[in-house]
N, C-alpha and C. Protein backbone atom coordinates (compact mmCIF):
# COMPACT_ATOMS: atom_id res chain seq x y z
N UNK A 1 0.79 -1.18 0.01
CA UNK A 1 -0.14 0.13 -0.01
C UNK A 1 0.91 1.39 0.07
N UNK A 2 0.54 2.21 -0.82
CA UNK A 2 1.25 3.46 -0.78
C UNK A 2 0.45 4.59 -0.33
N UNK A 3 0.99 5.35 0.49
CA UNK A 3 0.19 6.66 1.04
C UNK A 3 -1.17 6.25 1.42
N UNK A 4 -1.35 5.07 1.98
CA UNK A 4 -2.90 4.72 2.55
C UNK A 4 -3.68 4.26 1.30
N UNK A 5 -3.41 4.29 0.09
CA UNK A 5 -4.08 3.98 -1.23
C UNK A 5 -3.75 2.55 -1.61
N UNK A 6 -4.47 1.62 -1.78
CA UNK A 6 -4.09 0.24 -2.26
C UNK A 6 -3.65 0.45 -3.72
N UNK A 7 -2.71 -0.23 -4.05
CA UNK A 7 -2.29 -0.29 -5.61
C UNK A 7 -3.03 -1.55 -6.12
N UNK A 8 -3.08 -1.68 -7.39
CA UNK A 8 -3.56 -2.87 -8.00
C UNK A 8 -2.81 -4.02 -7.49
N UNK A 9 -1.49 -3.98 -7.23
CA UNK A 9 -0.92 -5.12 -6.63
C UNK A 9 -1.26 -5.50 -5.36
N UNK A 10 -1.65 -4.48 -4.44
CA UNK A 10 -2.12 -4.77 -3.21
C UNK A 10 -3.68 -5.48 -3.45
N UNK A 11 -4.32 -5.31 -4.36
CA UNK A 11 -5.75 -5.60 -4.64
C UNK A 11 -5.62 -6.98 -5.06
N UNK A 12 -4.70 -7.36 -6.01
CA UNK A 12 -4.59 -8.55 -6.44
C UNK A 12 -3.92 -9.49 -5.53
N UNK A 13 -2.81 -9.04 -4.96
CA UNK A 13 -1.99 -9.86 -3.88
C UNK A 13 -1.08 -10.70 -4.70
N UNK A 14 0.13 -11.02 -3.96
CA UNK A 14 1.37 -11.62 -4.20
C UNK A 14 1.12 -13.16 -4.70
N UNK A 15 0.27 -13.90 -3.87
CA UNK A 15 0.06 -15.13 -4.06
C UNK A 15 -0.62 -15.38 -5.38
N UNK A 16 -1.78 -14.46 -5.66
CA UNK A 16 -2.62 -14.67 -6.84
C UNK A 16 -1.84 -14.24 -8.09
N UNK A 17 -1.25 -13.22 -7.80
CA UNK A 17 -0.28 -12.68 -8.99
C UNK A 17 0.62 -13.77 -9.43
N UNK A 18 1.36 -14.46 -8.60
CA UNK A 18 2.33 -15.46 -8.87
C UNK A 18 1.56 -16.82 -9.56
N UNK A 19 0.43 -17.05 -9.09
CA UNK A 19 -0.42 -18.23 -9.56
C UNK A 19 -0.81 -17.72 -10.98
N UNK A 20 -1.23 -16.57 -11.19
CA UNK A 20 -1.71 -16.10 -12.44
C UNK A 20 -0.59 -16.23 -13.45
N UNK A 21 0.64 -15.99 -13.25
CA UNK A 21 1.94 -15.98 -13.93
C UNK A 21 2.38 -17.41 -14.38
N UNK A 22 1.92 -18.21 -13.31
CA UNK A 22 2.45 -19.77 -13.35
C UNK A 22 1.42 -20.25 -14.51
N UNK A 23 0.22 -20.03 -14.36
CA UNK A 23 -0.85 -20.65 -15.16
C UNK A 23 -0.75 -19.88 -16.62
N UNK A 24 -0.34 -18.75 -16.63
CA UNK A 24 -0.25 -18.08 -17.96
C UNK A 24 1.03 -18.68 -18.65
N UNK A 25 2.00 -18.89 -18.03
CA UNK A 25 3.30 -19.63 -18.80
C UNK A 25 2.99 -20.89 -19.01
N UNK A 26 2.09 -21.71 -18.21
CA UNK A 26 1.66 -22.86 -18.71
C UNK A 26 0.84 -22.97 -20.08
N UNK A 27 0.14 -21.93 -20.16
CA UNK A 27 -0.76 -21.68 -21.61
C UNK A 27 0.19 -21.39 -22.44
N UNK A 28 1.18 -20.48 -22.31
CA UNK A 28 2.11 -20.08 -23.49
C UNK A 28 2.87 -21.24 -23.88
N UNK A 29 3.25 -22.18 -23.02
CA UNK A 29 4.16 -23.24 -23.33
C UNK A 29 3.55 -24.23 -24.31
N UNK A 30 2.11 -24.01 -24.45
CA UNK A 30 1.28 -24.93 -25.35
C UNK A 30 0.73 -24.24 -26.52
N UNK A 31 0.97 -23.03 -26.63
CA UNK A 31 0.17 -22.15 -27.74
C UNK A 31 1.29 -22.10 -28.89
N UNK A 32 0.72 -22.70 -30.05
CA UNK A 32 1.50 -22.75 -31.44
C UNK A 32 1.95 -21.58 -31.64
N UNK A 33 1.27 -20.39 -31.63
CA UNK A 33 1.79 -18.99 -31.85
C UNK A 33 2.98 -18.54 -31.22
N UNK A 34 2.84 -18.96 -29.89
CA UNK A 34 3.98 -18.44 -28.90
C UNK A 34 5.13 -19.24 -28.74
N UNK A 35 5.11 -20.72 -28.87
CA UNK A 35 6.17 -21.47 -28.72
C UNK A 35 7.39 -21.16 -29.38
N UNK A 36 7.33 -20.66 -30.74
CA UNK A 36 8.65 -20.18 -31.36
C UNK A 36 9.40 -19.06 -30.90
N UNK A 37 8.64 -18.08 -30.01
CA UNK A 37 9.44 -17.19 -29.59
C UNK A 37 9.71 -17.23 -28.03
N UNK A 38 9.41 -18.16 -27.28
CA UNK A 38 9.79 -18.51 -25.87
C UNK A 38 10.82 -19.56 -25.85
N UNK A 39 11.39 -19.50 -24.70
CA UNK A 39 12.33 -20.72 -24.40
C UNK A 39 11.62 -22.06 -24.07
N UNK A 40 12.43 -23.10 -24.16
CA UNK A 40 11.57 -24.33 -23.82
C UNK A 40 11.46 -24.37 -22.16
N UNK A 41 12.27 -23.85 -21.56
CA UNK A 41 12.25 -23.89 -20.06
C UNK A 41 11.78 -22.38 -19.70
N UNK A 42 10.46 -22.21 -19.11
CA UNK A 42 10.01 -20.85 -18.87
C UNK A 42 10.29 -20.51 -17.34
N UNK A 43 11.19 -21.18 -16.80
CA UNK A 43 11.25 -20.91 -15.19
C UNK A 43 11.82 -19.59 -14.98
N UNK A 44 12.93 -19.08 -15.78
CA UNK A 44 13.40 -17.68 -15.50
C UNK A 44 12.62 -16.83 -16.08
N UNK A 45 11.76 -17.12 -17.36
CA UNK A 45 11.16 -16.01 -17.83
C UNK A 45 9.85 -15.81 -16.72
N UNK A 46 9.39 -16.69 -16.23
CA UNK A 46 8.28 -16.61 -15.18
C UNK A 46 8.80 -15.94 -13.95
N UNK A 47 9.91 -16.12 -13.64
CA UNK A 47 10.58 -15.51 -12.35
C UNK A 47 10.73 -13.97 -12.80
N UNK A 48 11.23 -13.63 -13.77
CA UNK A 48 11.23 -12.31 -14.29
C UNK A 48 9.88 -11.52 -14.45
N UNK A 49 8.91 -12.38 -15.00
CA UNK A 49 7.57 -11.88 -15.25
C UNK A 49 6.93 -11.47 -13.73
N UNK A 50 7.17 -12.30 -12.71
CA UNK A 50 6.66 -12.03 -11.35
C UNK A 50 7.25 -10.77 -10.90
N UNK A 51 8.58 -10.57 -11.02
CA UNK A 51 9.19 -9.40 -10.68
C UNK A 51 8.61 -8.02 -11.48
N UNK A 52 8.42 -8.16 -12.69
CA UNK A 52 8.02 -7.00 -13.55
C UNK A 52 6.43 -6.75 -13.21
N UNK A 53 5.77 -7.80 -13.18
CA UNK A 53 4.30 -7.47 -13.01
C UNK A 53 4.00 -6.99 -11.42
N UNK A 54 4.83 -7.23 -10.59
CA UNK A 54 4.78 -6.75 -9.16
C UNK A 54 4.92 -5.26 -9.33
N UNK A 55 5.99 -4.90 -9.91
CA UNK A 55 6.34 -3.48 -10.01
C UNK A 55 5.30 -2.79 -11.07
N UNK A 56 4.95 -3.40 -12.14
CA UNK A 56 3.95 -2.73 -13.05
C UNK A 56 2.60 -2.40 -12.32
N UNK A 57 2.36 -3.30 -11.31
CA UNK A 57 1.01 -3.13 -10.73
C UNK A 57 1.24 -2.19 -9.41
N UNK A 58 2.26 -1.55 -9.08
CA UNK A 58 2.52 -0.73 -7.93
C UNK A 58 3.13 -1.30 -6.71
N UNK A 59 3.64 -2.56 -6.93
CA UNK A 59 4.42 -3.16 -5.78
C UNK A 59 5.79 -2.95 -5.81
N UNK A 60 6.58 -3.49 -5.12
CA UNK A 60 8.07 -3.19 -4.88
C UNK A 60 8.66 -3.25 -6.22
N UNK A 61 9.75 -2.34 -6.43
CA UNK A 61 10.44 -2.33 -7.65
C UNK A 61 11.43 -3.39 -7.97
N UNK A 62 10.88 -4.68 -7.89
CA UNK A 62 11.82 -5.98 -7.82
C UNK A 62 12.62 -6.07 -9.25
N UNK A 63 11.85 -5.78 -10.30
CA UNK A 63 12.42 -5.92 -11.54
C UNK A 63 13.68 -4.93 -11.86
N UNK A 64 13.23 -3.62 -11.50
CA UNK A 64 14.31 -2.54 -11.56
C UNK A 64 15.40 -2.76 -10.91
N UNK A 65 15.19 -3.10 -9.58
CA UNK A 65 16.48 -3.56 -8.58
C UNK A 65 17.31 -4.53 -8.99
N UNK A 66 16.63 -5.40 -9.81
CA UNK A 66 17.78 -6.52 -10.26
C UNK A 66 18.25 -6.36 -11.83
N UNK A 67 17.45 -5.77 -12.68
CA UNK A 67 17.67 -5.89 -14.18
C UNK A 67 17.65 -4.36 -14.76
N UNK A 68 17.55 -3.40 -13.95
CA UNK A 68 17.50 -2.04 -14.49
C UNK A 68 16.11 -1.72 -15.02
N UNK A 69 16.03 -0.62 -15.77
CA UNK A 69 14.76 -0.09 -16.32
C UNK A 69 14.27 -1.18 -17.18
N UNK A 70 12.87 -1.46 -17.21
CA UNK A 70 12.35 -2.54 -18.00
C UNK A 70 12.71 -2.35 -19.45
N UNK A 71 12.41 -1.28 -19.90
CA UNK A 71 12.76 -1.06 -21.31
C UNK A 71 11.96 -1.97 -22.28
N UNK A 72 10.67 -2.23 -22.01
CA UNK A 72 9.93 -3.33 -22.66
C UNK A 72 10.05 -3.45 -24.25
N UNK A 73 9.92 -2.45 -24.79
CA UNK A 73 10.00 -2.59 -26.28
C UNK A 73 11.34 -2.80 -26.80
N UNK A 74 12.39 -2.38 -26.15
CA UNK A 74 13.68 -2.71 -26.57
C UNK A 74 14.04 -4.06 -26.18
N UNK A 75 13.71 -4.71 -25.11
CA UNK A 75 13.77 -5.97 -24.83
C UNK A 75 13.06 -7.05 -25.60
N UNK A 76 12.06 -6.71 -26.21
CA UNK A 76 11.33 -7.45 -27.18
C UNK A 76 11.69 -7.31 -28.63
N UNK A 77 12.51 -6.35 -28.94
CA UNK A 77 12.75 -6.18 -30.45
C UNK A 77 13.46 -7.43 -30.96
N UNK A 78 14.18 -8.32 -30.27
CA UNK A 78 14.71 -9.60 -30.92
C UNK A 78 13.72 -10.50 -31.47
N UNK A 79 12.49 -10.32 -30.85
CA UNK A 79 11.44 -11.40 -31.14
C UNK A 79 10.40 -10.92 -32.12
N UNK A 80 10.00 -11.72 -32.95
CA UNK A 80 9.04 -11.37 -34.04
C UNK A 80 7.57 -11.39 -33.27
N UNK A 81 7.37 -10.18 -32.83
CA UNK A 81 5.90 -10.00 -32.12
C UNK A 81 4.93 -9.29 -33.24
N UNK A 82 4.05 -10.40 -33.66
CA UNK A 82 3.17 -10.01 -34.70
C UNK A 82 1.75 -9.71 -33.95
N UNK A 83 0.79 -9.02 -34.70
CA UNK A 83 -0.49 -8.95 -34.19
C UNK A 83 -1.11 -10.23 -33.62
N UNK A 84 -1.03 -11.27 -34.35
CA UNK A 84 -1.56 -12.59 -33.93
C UNK A 84 -0.88 -13.11 -32.78
N UNK A 85 0.38 -12.90 -32.62
CA UNK A 85 1.05 -13.22 -31.28
C UNK A 85 0.71 -12.41 -30.08
N UNK A 86 0.41 -11.09 -30.27
CA UNK A 86 -0.04 -10.41 -29.46
C UNK A 86 -1.30 -10.65 -28.80
N UNK A 87 -2.29 -11.21 -29.86
CA UNK A 87 -3.53 -11.45 -29.53
C UNK A 87 -3.48 -12.97 -28.63
N UNK A 88 -2.55 -13.75 -29.14
CA UNK A 88 -2.29 -15.09 -28.51
C UNK A 88 -1.82 -14.96 -27.06
N UNK A 89 -0.97 -14.04 -26.93
CA UNK A 89 -0.38 -13.63 -25.58
C UNK A 89 -1.68 -13.37 -24.54
N UNK A 90 -2.37 -12.28 -25.18
CA UNK A 90 -3.61 -11.86 -24.42
C UNK A 90 -4.55 -12.98 -24.23
N UNK A 91 -4.78 -14.06 -25.07
CA UNK A 91 -5.67 -14.94 -24.88
C UNK A 91 -5.19 -15.86 -23.92
N UNK A 92 -3.74 -16.20 -23.70
CA UNK A 92 -3.27 -17.04 -22.58
C UNK A 92 -3.64 -16.36 -21.35
N UNK A 93 -3.40 -14.99 -21.28
CA UNK A 93 -3.50 -14.16 -20.12
C UNK A 93 -5.00 -14.22 -19.47
N UNK A 94 -5.99 -14.11 -20.75
CA UNK A 94 -7.50 -14.04 -20.22
C UNK A 94 -7.68 -15.46 -19.59
N UNK A 95 -7.14 -16.49 -20.35
CA UNK A 95 -7.57 -17.82 -19.83
C UNK A 95 -6.81 -17.96 -18.32
N UNK A 96 -5.78 -17.56 -18.00
CA UNK A 96 -5.07 -17.67 -16.69
C UNK A 96 -5.92 -16.91 -15.63
N UNK A 97 -6.46 -15.79 -16.16
CA UNK A 97 -7.33 -14.74 -15.30
C UNK A 97 -8.59 -15.60 -14.97
N UNK A 98 -9.23 -16.34 -15.90
CA UNK A 98 -10.24 -17.22 -15.66
C UNK A 98 -9.85 -18.14 -14.68
N UNK A 99 -8.77 -18.84 -14.87
CA UNK A 99 -8.41 -19.91 -13.98
C UNK A 99 -8.08 -19.56 -12.54
N UNK A 100 -7.69 -18.40 -12.10
CA UNK A 100 -7.46 -17.91 -11.02
C UNK A 100 -8.37 -17.16 -10.36
N UNK A 101 -9.70 -17.00 -11.02
CA UNK A 101 -10.77 -16.08 -10.61
C UNK A 101 -10.52 -14.69 -10.27
N UNK A 102 -9.84 -14.17 -11.35
CA UNK A 102 -9.69 -12.81 -11.27
C UNK A 102 -11.03 -12.26 -11.96
N UNK A 103 -11.52 -11.26 -11.36
CA UNK A 103 -13.00 -10.77 -11.64
C UNK A 103 -13.00 -9.30 -11.59
N UNK A 104 -13.99 -8.75 -12.01
CA UNK A 104 -14.44 -7.18 -11.81
C UNK A 104 -13.61 -6.22 -12.23
N UNK A 105 -13.47 -5.08 -11.29
CA UNK A 105 -12.84 -3.99 -11.88
C UNK A 105 -11.32 -4.24 -11.86
N UNK A 106 -10.66 -4.90 -11.05
CA UNK A 106 -9.34 -5.22 -10.95
C UNK A 106 -8.82 -5.96 -12.33
N UNK A 107 -9.64 -7.01 -12.83
CA UNK A 107 -9.46 -7.75 -14.00
C UNK A 107 -9.46 -6.83 -15.08
N UNK A 108 -10.49 -5.98 -15.18
CA UNK A 108 -10.75 -4.93 -16.44
C UNK A 108 -9.62 -3.96 -16.52
N UNK A 109 -9.11 -3.48 -15.30
CA UNK A 109 -8.04 -2.47 -15.23
C UNK A 109 -6.78 -3.17 -15.71
N UNK A 110 -6.37 -4.34 -15.21
CA UNK A 110 -5.20 -5.08 -15.46
C UNK A 110 -5.30 -5.45 -16.97
N UNK A 111 -6.24 -5.88 -17.36
CA UNK A 111 -6.34 -6.69 -18.73
C UNK A 111 -6.15 -5.28 -19.63
N UNK A 112 -6.84 -4.32 -19.48
CA UNK A 112 -6.71 -3.03 -20.39
C UNK A 112 -5.37 -2.65 -20.41
N UNK A 113 -4.59 -2.55 -19.20
CA UNK A 113 -3.14 -2.21 -19.19
C UNK A 113 -2.28 -3.20 -20.02
N UNK A 114 -2.52 -4.38 -19.97
CA UNK A 114 -1.81 -5.52 -20.79
C UNK A 114 -2.10 -5.41 -22.21
N UNK A 115 -3.36 -5.13 -22.56
CA UNK A 115 -3.82 -4.83 -23.92
C UNK A 115 -2.98 -3.85 -24.44
N UNK A 116 -2.94 -2.79 -23.91
CA UNK A 116 -2.12 -1.57 -24.50
C UNK A 116 -0.67 -2.06 -24.64
N UNK A 117 -0.03 -2.55 -23.52
CA UNK A 117 1.13 -3.10 -23.56
C UNK A 117 1.55 -3.92 -24.78
N UNK A 118 0.57 -5.02 -24.83
CA UNK A 118 0.84 -5.99 -26.02
C UNK A 118 0.69 -5.34 -27.34
N UNK A 119 -0.14 -4.28 -27.52
CA UNK A 119 -0.01 -3.64 -28.96
C UNK A 119 1.23 -2.92 -29.07
N UNK A 120 1.63 -2.23 -28.09
CA UNK A 120 3.02 -1.71 -28.14
C UNK A 120 4.08 -2.39 -28.52
N UNK A 121 4.13 -3.80 -28.10
CA UNK A 121 5.20 -4.55 -28.23
C UNK A 121 5.10 -5.27 -29.74
N UNK A 122 4.08 -4.87 -30.56
CA UNK A 122 4.07 -5.54 -31.89
C UNK A 122 5.11 -4.74 -32.56
N UNK A 123 6.05 -5.57 -33.24
CA UNK A 123 7.11 -4.97 -34.10
C UNK A 123 7.36 -5.66 -35.41
N UNK A 124 6.49 -6.52 -35.92
CA UNK A 124 6.75 -7.30 -37.10
C UNK A 124 5.12 -7.47 -37.69
N UNK A 125 5.06 -7.09 -38.89
CA UNK A 125 3.65 -7.30 -39.50
C UNK A 125 3.39 -8.89 -39.79
N UNK A 126 2.13 -9.13 -40.04
CA UNK A 126 1.81 -10.47 -40.24
C UNK A 126 2.18 -10.76 -41.63
N UNK A 127 2.53 -12.14 -41.96
CA UNK A 127 2.99 -12.50 -43.36
C UNK A 127 1.97 -13.27 -44.03
N UNK A 128 1.58 -12.98 -45.20
CA UNK A 128 0.70 -13.41 -46.20
C UNK A 128 1.04 -14.93 -46.43
N UNK A 129 0.33 -15.66 -47.15
CA UNK A 129 0.52 -17.01 -47.49
C UNK A 129 1.76 -17.04 -48.35
N UNK A 130 2.45 -16.20 -49.01
CA UNK A 130 3.63 -16.20 -49.76
C UNK A 130 4.69 -15.91 -48.81
N UNK A 131 4.51 -15.73 -47.49
CA UNK A 131 5.66 -15.24 -46.46
C UNK A 131 6.07 -13.81 -46.76
N UNK A 132 5.16 -12.94 -47.33
CA UNK A 132 5.60 -11.50 -47.37
C UNK A 132 4.73 -10.79 -46.60
N UNK A 133 5.30 -9.58 -46.17
CA UNK A 133 4.38 -8.65 -45.18
C UNK A 133 3.12 -8.30 -45.75
N UNK A 134 2.12 -8.25 -45.05
CA UNK A 134 0.90 -7.78 -45.60
C UNK A 134 0.82 -6.20 -45.52
């Protein structure tokens, strides 16, 4: 809690946030659109995501303290993030939110922020059937 006002991190709670991320990466590991851009072992990816999401939602600055400024777009440039991959990422997150019972205003708030972030991460156009950018 900051200045007496609960943060989104406070509203979600560390336990539920960590469960959400674990379920999310379980979903990612099975999604055909996402498998090519994620490592086979998602343990470290999930650990960093827990740090980042804690910070993103107003909790302690865990990610910055260990890794420096998040620089999200720069960190994702090496990966082909297409509109369909952004949608797949969001779909995996919606399914994880369903599984952990995240509902109401906090879900709407969090999902909206994730949607905007996912759109910002898109760095590659879709390819048409000939393998050319559309």
